[in-house]
């Protein structure tokens, strides 16, 4: 019986191990920053095939990253599989050029670069008119 306890708990620890990026309550961990003329977002997505598992798109000023992980491991006594869908949406700066977005994947990190256009004034100048006082005649 004592010999079975370590084996039993050893098998259970495999069930609780996860390589999915689920830390801090976020499905995909990201960092973003503005640099000279561009917005850059880096997302942590280790172990994925960027051509099959990752999609990047923009929609109405929002950058959306969608990733799926499918993994299966087979030993002589059992088969284990893991599956997960991850998504993260980030609002782009108002002057983002979403037609020229580029994305690259290297060593588990997705880097999305969004060029920024010159900021356009959003308001307009309103002239203030001088009111001439009307003389009161009695």
N, C-alpha and C. Protein backbone atom coordinates (compact mmCIF):
# COMPACT_ATOMS: atom_id res chain seq x y z
N UNK A 1 0.83 -1.20 0.00
CA UNK A 1 0.00 0.00 0.00
C UNK A 1 0.86 1.25 0.00
N UNK A 2 1.93 1.29 0.84
CA UNK A 2 2.81 2.46 0.88
C UNK A 2 3.49 2.70 -0.46
N UNK A 3 3.73 1.64 -1.21
CA UNK A 3 4.38 1.80 -2.51
C UNK A 3 3.43 2.43 -3.52
N UNK A 4 2.13 2.28 -3.33
CA UNK A 4 1.15 2.83 -4.27
C UNK A 4 0.93 4.32 -4.08
N UNK A 5 1.11 4.85 -2.86
CA UNK A 5 0.82 6.25 -2.59
C UNK A 5 1.69 7.19 -3.42
N UNK A 6 3.03 7.05 -3.44
CA UNK A 6 3.82 7.95 -4.28
C UNK A 6 3.48 7.83 -5.76
N UNK A 7 3.22 6.61 -6.21
CA UNK A 7 2.87 6.43 -7.62
C UNK A 7 1.54 7.11 -7.93
N UNK A 8 0.57 6.96 -7.03
CA UNK A 8 -0.74 7.56 -7.23
C UNK A 8 -0.63 9.08 -7.29
N UNK A 9 0.07 9.69 -6.33
CA UNK A 9 0.19 11.14 -6.33
C UNK A 9 1.12 11.61 -7.44
N UNK A 10 2.09 10.81 -7.81
CA UNK A 10 2.95 11.17 -8.94
C UNK A 10 2.14 11.27 -10.22
N UNK A 11 1.20 10.36 -10.42
CA UNK A 11 0.34 10.41 -11.60
C UNK A 11 -0.59 11.62 -11.55
N UNK A 12 -1.07 11.97 -10.35
CA UNK A 12 -1.98 13.11 -10.23
C UNK A 12 -1.29 14.44 -10.51
N UNK A 13 -0.01 14.55 -10.19
CA UNK A 13 0.66 15.82 -10.42
C UNK A 13 0.69 16.17 -11.90
N UNK A 14 0.73 15.17 -12.78
CA UNK A 14 0.69 15.45 -14.21
C UNK A 14 -0.61 16.15 -14.61
N UNK A 15 -1.69 15.82 -13.92
CA UNK A 15 -2.99 16.40 -14.25
C UNK A 15 -3.03 17.89 -13.93
N UNK A 16 -2.28 18.31 -12.92
CA UNK A 16 -2.34 19.71 -12.50
C UNK A 16 -1.28 20.58 -13.16
N UNK A 17 -0.33 20.00 -13.84
CA UNK A 17 0.67 20.79 -14.55
C UNK A 17 0.03 21.38 -15.79
N UNK A 18 0.38 22.62 -16.06
CA UNK A 18 -0.17 23.27 -17.24
C UNK A 18 0.89 24.17 -17.85
N UNK A 19 1.03 24.09 -19.16
CA UNK A 19 1.95 24.97 -19.86
C UNK A 19 1.20 26.15 -20.45
N UNK A 20 -0.11 26.23 -20.24
CA UNK A 20 -0.88 27.33 -20.79
C UNK A 20 -0.56 28.61 -20.03
N UNK A 21 -0.51 29.74 -20.71
CA UNK A 21 -0.21 31.01 -20.05
C UNK A 21 -1.42 31.57 -19.30
N UNK A 22 -1.71 31.02 -18.14
CA UNK A 22 -2.87 31.43 -17.36
C UNK A 22 -2.44 32.06 -16.05
N UNK A 23 -1.62 33.05 -16.07
CA UNK A 23 -1.15 33.67 -14.84
C UNK A 23 -1.84 35.00 -14.66
N UNK A 24 -2.10 35.34 -13.41
CA UNK A 24 -2.67 36.64 -13.12
C UNK A 24 -4.07 36.84 -13.65
N UNK A 25 -4.77 35.78 -13.99
CA UNK A 25 -6.14 35.89 -14.45
C UNK A 25 -6.28 36.27 -15.93
N UNK A 26 -5.20 36.52 -16.64
CA UNK A 26 -5.27 36.87 -18.05
C UNK A 26 -4.97 35.63 -18.88
N UNK A 27 -5.70 35.50 -19.97
CA UNK A 27 -5.46 34.35 -20.83
C UNK A 27 -4.16 34.48 -21.61
N UNK A 28 -3.86 35.67 -22.10
CA UNK A 28 -2.62 35.90 -22.81
C UNK A 28 -1.92 37.08 -22.13
N UNK A 29 -0.71 36.85 -21.69
CA UNK A 29 0.06 37.92 -21.06
C UNK A 29 0.66 38.80 -22.16
N UNK A 30 0.50 40.11 -22.00
CA UNK A 30 1.01 41.04 -23.00
C UNK A 30 1.76 42.19 -22.34
N UNK A 31 2.61 42.80 -23.13
CA UNK A 31 3.20 44.09 -22.78
C UNK A 31 3.08 44.95 -24.03
N UNK A 32 2.83 46.23 -23.83
CA UNK A 32 2.72 47.11 -24.98
C UNK A 32 3.36 48.45 -24.67
N UNK A 33 3.77 49.14 -25.73
CA UNK A 33 4.40 50.44 -25.56
C UNK A 33 4.30 51.22 -26.86
N UNK A 34 4.41 52.54 -26.71
CA UNK A 34 4.47 53.44 -27.85
C UNK A 34 5.92 53.83 -28.06
N UNK A 35 6.37 53.74 -29.29
CA UNK A 35 7.71 54.21 -29.62
C UNK A 35 7.56 55.27 -30.71
N UNK A 36 8.66 55.70 -31.26
CA UNK A 36 8.64 56.73 -32.28
C UNK A 36 7.83 56.28 -33.50
N UNK A 37 6.61 56.74 -33.61
CA UNK A 37 5.81 56.47 -34.79
C UNK A 37 5.12 55.12 -34.85
N UNK A 38 5.14 54.32 -33.76
CA UNK A 38 4.47 53.03 -33.81
C UNK A 38 4.04 52.56 -32.42
N UNK A 39 3.03 51.70 -32.44
CA UNK A 39 2.55 51.04 -31.23
C UNK A 39 2.99 49.58 -31.34
N UNK A 40 3.62 49.05 -30.29
CA UNK A 40 4.13 47.68 -30.31
C UNK A 40 3.50 46.90 -29.17
N UNK A 41 3.01 45.71 -29.49
CA UNK A 41 2.45 44.81 -28.49
C UNK A 41 3.18 43.48 -28.59
N UNK A 42 3.63 42.96 -27.45
CA UNK A 42 4.29 41.65 -27.40
C UNK A 42 3.42 40.74 -26.54
N UNK A 43 3.11 39.55 -27.06
CA UNK A 43 2.25 38.59 -26.37
C UNK A 43 3.01 37.29 -26.14
N UNK A 44 2.85 36.74 -24.95
CA UNK A 44 3.50 35.49 -24.58
C UNK A 44 2.63 34.32 -25.03
N UNK A 45 3.10 33.59 -26.04
CA UNK A 45 2.36 32.44 -26.60
C UNK A 45 3.33 31.30 -26.89
N UNK A 46 3.92 30.69 -25.88
CA UNK A 46 4.92 29.65 -26.11
C UNK A 46 4.32 28.36 -26.67
N UNK A 47 5.11 27.68 -27.48
CA UNK A 47 4.76 26.35 -27.96
C UNK A 47 3.69 26.30 -29.02
N UNK A 48 3.42 27.39 -29.70
CA UNK A 48 2.39 27.39 -30.73
C UNK A 48 3.03 27.49 -32.12
N UNK A 49 2.30 27.02 -33.10
CA UNK A 49 2.71 27.17 -34.49
C UNK A 49 2.02 28.43 -35.02
N UNK A 50 2.77 29.48 -35.33
CA UNK A 50 2.13 30.74 -35.71
C UNK A 50 1.29 30.65 -36.98
N UNK A 51 1.62 29.74 -37.87
CA UNK A 51 0.86 29.62 -39.11
C UNK A 51 -0.48 28.91 -38.92
N UNK A 52 -0.57 28.03 -37.92
CA UNK A 52 -1.80 27.26 -37.71
C UNK A 52 -2.57 27.69 -36.46
N UNK A 53 -1.87 28.12 -35.42
CA UNK A 53 -2.50 28.30 -34.12
C UNK A 53 -2.81 29.75 -33.74
N UNK A 54 -2.25 30.73 -34.45
CA UNK A 54 -2.40 32.13 -34.03
C UNK A 54 -3.05 32.95 -35.14
N UNK A 55 -4.02 33.77 -34.74
CA UNK A 55 -4.66 34.70 -35.67
C UNK A 55 -4.59 36.10 -35.05
N UNK A 56 -4.23 37.08 -35.87
CA UNK A 56 -4.19 38.47 -35.44
C UNK A 56 -5.06 39.26 -36.41
N UNK A 57 -5.95 40.10 -35.86
CA UNK A 57 -6.80 40.92 -36.72
C UNK A 57 -7.15 42.22 -36.01
N UNK A 58 -7.65 43.18 -36.77
CA UNK A 58 -8.14 44.42 -36.19
C UNK A 58 -9.61 44.57 -36.56
N UNK A 59 -10.35 45.22 -35.69
CA UNK A 59 -11.77 45.45 -35.94
C UNK A 59 -12.19 46.72 -35.19
N UNK A 60 -12.50 47.76 -35.94
CA UNK A 60 -13.00 49.03 -35.38
C UNK A 60 -12.11 49.57 -34.27
N UNK A 61 -10.81 49.63 -34.54
CA UNK A 61 -9.88 50.21 -33.60
C UNK A 61 -9.44 49.30 -32.47
N UNK A 62 -9.72 48.00 -32.59
CA UNK A 62 -9.32 47.03 -31.57
C UNK A 62 -8.44 45.96 -32.22
N UNK A 63 -7.31 45.66 -31.57
CA UNK A 63 -6.43 44.58 -32.01
C UNK A 63 -6.85 43.32 -31.28
N UNK A 64 -7.09 42.24 -32.02
CA UNK A 64 -7.56 40.98 -31.44
C UNK A 64 -6.56 39.88 -31.75
N UNK A 65 -6.10 39.21 -30.70
CA UNK A 65 -5.20 38.06 -30.84
C UNK A 65 -5.98 36.83 -30.41
N UNK A 66 -6.01 35.82 -31.26
CA UNK A 66 -6.74 34.58 -31.00
C UNK A 66 -5.75 33.43 -31.19
N UNK A 67 -5.67 32.54 -30.21
CA UNK A 67 -4.75 31.40 -30.31
C UNK A 67 -5.43 30.14 -29.81
N UNK A 68 -5.08 29.02 -30.42
CA UNK A 68 -5.60 27.72 -30.00
C UNK A 68 -4.44 26.76 -29.82
N UNK A 69 -4.52 25.98 -28.75
CA UNK A 69 -3.48 24.98 -28.50
C UNK A 69 -4.14 23.60 -28.49
N UNK A 70 -3.57 22.70 -29.27
CA UNK A 70 -4.01 21.31 -29.28
C UNK A 70 -2.77 20.46 -29.07
N UNK A 71 -2.82 19.61 -28.07
CA UNK A 71 -1.65 18.81 -27.75
C UNK A 71 -2.11 17.42 -27.29
N UNK A 72 -1.42 16.40 -27.75
CA UNK A 72 -1.75 15.04 -27.33
C UNK A 72 -0.46 14.27 -27.10
N UNK A 73 -0.42 13.54 -25.98
CA UNK A 73 0.74 12.72 -25.65
C UNK A 73 0.25 11.32 -25.31
N UNK A 74 0.92 10.32 -25.85
CA UNK A 74 0.49 8.95 -25.62
C UNK A 74 1.66 8.15 -25.05
N UNK A 75 1.36 7.44 -23.97
CA UNK A 75 2.33 6.52 -23.40
C UNK A 75 1.76 5.12 -23.58
N UNK A 76 2.45 4.13 -23.07
CA UNK A 76 1.93 2.76 -23.25
C UNK A 76 0.73 2.48 -22.34
N UNK A 77 0.47 3.35 -21.35
CA UNK A 77 -0.66 3.09 -20.45
C UNK A 77 -1.81 4.07 -20.60
N UNK A 78 -1.57 5.23 -21.18
CA UNK A 78 -2.66 6.20 -21.31
C UNK A 78 -2.35 7.25 -22.38
N UNK A 79 -3.39 7.95 -22.75
CA UNK A 79 -3.27 9.07 -23.67
C UNK A 79 -3.78 10.32 -22.96
N UNK A 80 -3.00 11.41 -23.04
CA UNK A 80 -3.41 12.68 -22.46
C UNK A 80 -3.51 13.71 -23.55
N UNK A 81 -4.48 14.60 -23.41
CA UNK A 81 -4.57 15.69 -24.37
C UNK A 81 -4.92 16.97 -23.63
N UNK A 82 -4.50 18.07 -24.22
CA UNK A 82 -4.79 19.40 -23.70
C UNK A 82 -5.31 20.23 -24.85
N UNK A 83 -6.28 21.05 -24.54
CA UNK A 83 -6.86 21.90 -25.57
C UNK A 83 -7.24 23.22 -24.92
N UNK A 84 -6.99 24.30 -25.59
CA UNK A 84 -7.38 25.58 -25.03
C UNK A 84 -7.47 26.65 -26.10
N UNK A 85 -8.40 27.57 -25.91
CA UNK A 85 -8.56 28.72 -26.78
C UNK A 85 -8.27 29.95 -25.95
N UNK A 86 -7.44 30.83 -26.48
CA UNK A 86 -7.04 32.04 -25.78
C UNK A 86 -7.32 33.23 -26.67
N UNK A 87 -7.78 34.31 -26.07
CA UNK A 87 -8.04 35.50 -26.85
C UNK A 87 -7.76 36.73 -26.00
N UNK A 88 -7.26 37.76 -26.65
CA UNK A 88 -6.99 39.03 -25.96
C UNK A 88 -7.31 40.14 -26.94
N UNK A 89 -8.02 41.15 -26.48
CA UNK A 89 -8.36 42.31 -27.30
C UNK A 89 -7.80 43.56 -26.63
N UNK A 90 -7.17 44.42 -27.42
CA UNK A 90 -6.56 45.64 -26.92
C UNK A 90 -6.98 46.80 -27.81
N UNK A 91 -7.45 47.89 -27.21
CA UNK A 91 -7.83 49.07 -27.99
C UNK A 91 -6.57 49.74 -28.53
N UNK A 92 -6.59 50.04 -29.82
CA UNK A 92 -5.45 50.70 -30.47
C UNK A 92 -5.53 52.20 -30.25
N UNK A 93 -4.37 52.88 -30.32
CA UNK A 93 -4.40 54.35 -30.25
C UNK A 93 -5.27 54.91 -31.38
N UNK A 94 -5.81 56.09 -31.18
CA UNK A 94 -6.71 56.70 -32.16
C UNK A 94 -6.08 56.95 -33.51
N UNK A 95 -4.76 57.14 -33.56
CA UNK A 95 -4.10 57.41 -34.83
C UNK A 95 -3.39 56.17 -35.40
N UNK A 96 -3.84 54.98 -35.01
CA UNK A 96 -3.24 53.75 -35.53
C UNK A 96 -3.65 53.52 -36.98
N UNK A 97 -2.70 53.09 -37.78
CA UNK A 97 -2.96 52.75 -39.18
C UNK A 97 -3.18 51.24 -39.25
N UNK A 98 -4.41 50.81 -39.07
CA UNK A 98 -4.69 49.37 -38.98
C UNK A 98 -4.58 48.64 -40.31
N UNK A 99 -4.32 49.37 -41.41
CA UNK A 99 -4.11 48.73 -42.71
C UNK A 99 -2.66 48.25 -42.89
N UNK A 100 -1.75 48.71 -42.02
CA UNK A 100 -0.34 48.38 -42.18
C UNK A 100 0.24 47.64 -40.97
N UNK A 101 -0.59 46.90 -40.27
CA UNK A 101 -0.17 46.14 -39.09
C UNK A 101 0.69 44.96 -39.53
N UNK A 102 1.78 44.70 -38.81
CA UNK A 102 2.61 43.52 -39.07
C UNK A 102 2.73 42.71 -37.79
N UNK A 103 2.94 41.41 -37.95
CA UNK A 103 3.09 40.52 -36.80
C UNK A 103 4.20 39.51 -37.10
N UNK A 104 4.98 39.19 -36.05
CA UNK A 104 6.03 38.18 -36.18
C UNK A 104 6.05 37.35 -34.90
N UNK A 105 6.57 36.13 -35.02
CA UNK A 105 6.60 35.20 -33.90
C UNK A 105 8.00 34.63 -33.78
N UNK A 106 8.61 34.77 -32.59
CA UNK A 106 9.96 34.27 -32.39
C UNK A 106 10.11 33.79 -30.95
N UNK A 107 10.50 32.54 -30.78
CA UNK A 107 10.78 31.95 -29.47
C UNK A 107 9.63 32.13 -28.47
N UNK A 108 8.41 31.90 -28.94
CA UNK A 108 7.25 31.93 -28.06
C UNK A 108 6.65 33.30 -27.82
N UNK A 109 7.19 34.32 -28.49
CA UNK A 109 6.68 35.68 -28.30
C UNK A 109 6.15 36.22 -29.63
N UNK A 110 4.89 36.63 -29.61
CA UNK A 110 4.27 37.27 -30.77
C UNK A 110 4.48 38.77 -30.64
N UNK A 111 5.02 39.40 -31.68
CA UNK A 111 5.21 40.85 -31.68
C UNK A 111 4.36 41.45 -32.78
N UNK A 112 3.47 42.36 -32.39
CA UNK A 112 2.59 43.04 -33.34
C UNK A 112 3.00 44.51 -33.36
N UNK A 113 3.26 45.02 -34.57
CA UNK A 113 3.66 46.42 -34.74
C UNK A 113 2.60 47.15 -35.54
N UNK A 114 2.14 48.26 -34.98
CA UNK A 114 1.10 49.06 -35.62
C UNK A 114 1.65 50.46 -35.88
N UNK A 115 1.82 50.85 -37.15
CA UNK A 115 2.30 52.20 -37.43
C UNK A 115 1.27 53.24 -37.00
N UNK A 116 1.77 54.39 -36.58
CA UNK A 116 0.90 55.50 -36.18
C UNK A 116 0.99 56.60 -37.22
N UNK A 117 -0.14 57.19 -37.56
CA UNK A 117 -0.15 58.31 -38.49
C UNK A 117 0.02 59.59 -37.68
N UNK A 118 0.29 60.69 -38.39
CA UNK A 118 0.41 61.97 -37.70
C UNK A 118 -0.94 62.28 -37.06
N UNK A 119 -0.92 62.71 -35.81
CA UNK A 119 -2.20 63.00 -35.16
C UNK A 119 -2.92 64.15 -35.85
N UNK A 120 -4.19 63.93 -36.06
CA UNK A 120 -5.01 64.97 -36.68
C UNK A 120 -5.77 65.69 -35.57
N UNK A 121 -5.91 67.00 -35.73
CA UNK A 121 -6.67 67.72 -34.72
C UNK A 121 -8.10 67.20 -34.69
N UNK A 122 -8.60 67.00 -33.49
CA UNK A 122 -9.95 66.44 -33.37
C UNK A 122 -11.01 67.49 -33.15
N UNK A 123 -10.60 68.67 -32.81
CA UNK A 123 -11.58 69.73 -32.57
C UNK A 123 -11.43 70.84 -33.60
N UNK A 124 -12.14 71.93 -33.36
CA UNK A 124 -12.00 73.08 -34.24
C UNK A 124 -12.02 74.33 -33.40
N UNK A 125 -11.40 75.36 -33.92
CA UNK A 125 -11.36 76.65 -33.24
C UNK A 125 -12.69 77.37 -33.48
N UNK A 126 -13.27 77.88 -32.45
CA UNK A 126 -14.53 78.60 -32.55
C UNK A 126 -14.25 80.08 -32.29
N UNK A 127 -14.54 80.92 -33.26
CA UNK A 127 -14.29 82.35 -33.06
C UNK A 127 -15.27 82.93 -32.03
N UNK A 128 -14.76 83.88 -31.30
CA UNK A 128 -15.59 84.56 -30.30
C UNK A 128 -15.89 85.97 -30.84
N UNK A 129 -17.14 86.28 -30.99
CA UNK A 129 -17.56 87.56 -31.52
C UNK A 129 -17.70 88.58 -30.40
N UNK A 130 -17.31 89.80 -30.70
CA UNK A 130 -17.46 90.89 -29.73
C UNK A 130 -18.88 91.45 -29.89
N UNK A 131 -19.55 91.55 -28.80
CA UNK A 131 -20.91 92.08 -28.81
C UNK A 131 -20.85 93.58 -28.58
N UNK A 132 -21.45 94.36 -29.51
CA UNK A 132 -21.50 95.81 -29.35
C UNK A 132 -22.68 96.16 -28.46
N UNK A 133 -22.43 96.87 -27.40
CA UNK A 133 -23.55 97.25 -26.55
C UNK A 133 -24.43 98.27 -27.27
N UNK A 134 -25.69 98.09 -27.17
CA UNK A 134 -26.65 98.99 -27.78
C UNK A 134 -26.92 100.12 -26.77
N UNK A 135 -26.79 101.36 -27.24
CA UNK A 135 -27.03 102.50 -26.34
C UNK A 135 -28.51 102.63 -26.09
N UNK A 136 -28.83 102.82 -24.85
CA UNK A 136 -30.24 102.97 -24.49
C UNK A 136 -30.64 104.43 -24.69
N UNK A 137 -31.69 104.64 -25.38
CA UNK A 137 -32.19 105.98 -25.64
C UNK A 137 -33.45 106.17 -24.82
N UNK A 138 -33.49 107.32 -24.05
CA UNK A 138 -34.70 107.62 -23.27
C UNK A 138 -35.38 108.79 -23.82
